[in-house]
PDB file of N, CA and C in Angstrom:
ATOM      1  N   UNK A   1     -10.277  -9.390  16.902  1.00  0.00           N
ATOM      2  CA  UNK A   1     -10.493 -10.543  16.031  1.00  0.00           C
ATOM      3  C   UNK A   1     -10.980 -10.080  14.659  1.00  0.00           C
ATOM      4  N   UNK A   2     -12.029  -9.291  14.624  1.00  0.00           N
ATOM      5  CA  UNK A   2     -12.550  -8.817  13.333  1.00  0.00           C
ATOM      6  C   UNK A   2     -11.523  -7.958  12.619  1.00  0.00           C
ATOM      7  N   UNK A   3     -10.814  -7.129  13.399  1.00  0.00           N
ATOM      8  CA  UNK A   3      -9.804  -6.250  12.786  1.00  0.00           C
ATOM      9  C   UNK A   3      -8.749  -7.093  12.076  1.00  0.00           C
ATOM     10  N   UNK A   4      -8.368  -8.200  12.703  1.00  0.00           N
ATOM     11  CA  UNK A   4      -7.336  -9.057  12.110  1.00  0.00           C
ATOM     12  C   UNK A   4      -7.842  -9.602  10.766  1.00  0.00           C
ATOM     13  N   UNK A   5      -9.089 -10.035  10.742  1.00  0.00           N
ATOM     14  CA  UNK A   5      -9.649 -10.566   9.493  1.00  0.00           C
ATOM     15  C   UNK A   5      -9.741  -9.462   8.457  1.00  0.00           C
ATOM     16  N   UNK A   6     -10.130  -8.266   8.912  1.00  0.00           N
ATOM     17  CA  UNK A   6     -10.273  -7.130   7.990  1.00  0.00           C
ATOM     18  C   UNK A   6      -8.934  -6.819   7.341  1.00  0.00           C
ATOM     19  N   UNK A   7      -7.873  -6.836   8.129  1.00  0.00           N
ATOM     20  CA  UNK A   7      -6.539  -6.540   7.574  1.00  0.00           C
ATOM     21  C   UNK A   7      -6.171  -7.575   6.523  1.00  0.00           C
ATOM     22  N   UNK A   8      -6.426  -8.842   6.816  1.00  0.00           N
ATOM     23  CA  UNK A   8      -6.096  -9.915   5.862  1.00  0.00           C
ATOM     24  C   UNK A   8      -6.937  -9.745   4.603  1.00  0.00           C
ATOM     25  N   UNK A   9      -8.214  -9.424   4.787  1.00  0.00           N
ATOM     26  CA  UNK A   9      -9.106  -9.255   3.640  1.00  0.00           C
ATOM     27  C   UNK A   9      -8.629  -8.102   2.769  1.00  0.00           C
ATOM     28  N   UNK A  10      -8.239  -7.002   3.417  1.00  0.00           N
ATOM     29  CA  UNK A  10      -7.756  -5.834   2.657  1.00  0.00           C
ATOM     30  C   UNK A  10      -6.511  -6.209   1.866  1.00  0.00           C
ATOM     31  N   UNK A  11      -5.645  -6.998   2.469  1.00  0.00           N
ATOM     32  CA  UNK A  11      -4.409  -7.411   1.791  1.00  0.00           C
ATOM     33  C   UNK A  11      -4.756  -8.239   0.552  1.00  0.00           C
ATOM     34  N   UNK A  12      -5.681  -9.173   0.707  1.00  0.00           N
ATOM     35  CA  UNK A  12      -6.099 -10.025  -0.420  1.00  0.00           C
ATOM     36  C   UNK A  12      -6.776  -9.167  -1.486  1.00  0.00           C
ATOM     37  N   UNK A  13      -7.631  -8.253  -1.055  1.00  0.00           N
ATOM     38  CA  UNK A  13      -8.350  -7.389  -1.999  1.00  0.00           C
ATOM     39  C   UNK A  13      -7.352  -6.578  -2.816  1.00  0.00           C
ATOM     40  N   UNK A  14      -6.327  -6.049  -2.139  1.00  0.00           N
ATOM     41  CA  UNK A  14      -5.306  -5.258  -2.844  1.00  0.00           C
ATOM     42  C   UNK A  14      -4.609  -6.130  -3.884  1.00  0.00           C
ATOM     43  N   UNK A  15      -4.290  -7.345  -3.519  1.00  0.00           N
ATOM     44  CA  UNK A  15      -3.619  -8.265  -4.442  1.00  0.00           C
ATOM     45  C   UNK A  15      -4.503  -8.549  -5.644  1.00  0.00           C
ATOM     46  N   UNK A  16      -5.798  -8.803  -5.389  1.00  0.00           N
ATOM     47  CA  UNK A  16      -6.719  -9.082  -6.495  1.00  0.00           C
ATOM     48  C   UNK A  16      -6.822  -7.872  -7.409  1.00  0.00           C
ATOM     49  N   UNK A  17      -6.900  -6.681  -6.813  1.00  0.00           N
ATOM     50  CA  UNK A  17      -7.018  -5.452  -7.615  1.00  0.00           C
ATOM     51  C   UNK A  17      -5.785  -5.281  -8.489  1.00  0.00           C
ATOM     52  N   UNK A  18      -4.629  -5.609  -7.941  1.00  0.00           N
ATOM     53  CA  UNK A  18      -3.387  -5.448  -8.714  1.00  0.00           C
ATOM     54  C   UNK A  18      -3.377  -6.421  -9.891  1.00  0.00           C
ATOM     55  N   UNK A  19      -3.979  -7.612  -9.680  1.00  0.00           N
ATOM     56  CA  UNK A  19      -4.020  -8.598 -10.769  1.00  0.00           C
ATOM     57  C   UNK A  19      -5.055  -8.201 -11.812  1.00  0.00           C
ATOM     58  N   UNK A  20      -6.193  -7.685 -11.333  1.00  0.00           N
ATOM     59  CA  UNK A  20      -7.258  -7.296 -12.268  1.00  0.00           C
ATOM     60  C   UNK A  20      -6.893  -6.004 -12.977  1.00  0.00           C
ATOM     61  N   UNK A  21      -7.300  -5.864 -14.241  1.00  0.00           N
ATOM     62  CA  UNK A  21      -7.014  -4.642 -15.003  1.00  0.00           C
ATOM     63  C   UNK A  21      -7.958  -3.517 -14.593  1.00  0.00           C
ATOM     64  N   UNK A  22      -7.438  -2.320 -14.507  1.00  0.00           N
ATOM     65  CA  UNK A  22      -8.280  -1.169 -14.133  1.00  0.00           C
ATOM     66  C   UNK A  22      -9.194  -0.784 -15.282  1.00  0.00           C
ATOM     67  N   UNK A  23     -10.478  -0.612 -14.958  1.00  0.00           N
ATOM     68  CA  UNK A  23     -11.425  -0.245 -16.018  1.00  0.00           C
ATOM     69  C   UNK A  23     -11.688   1.240 -15.971  1.00  0.00           C
TER      70      UNK A  23
END
């Protein structure tokens, strides 16, 4: 259960990082 949430969170985090500019 937690692993499933972690995978989804990582996917969202990656998407946010791609949208945000690298500092």
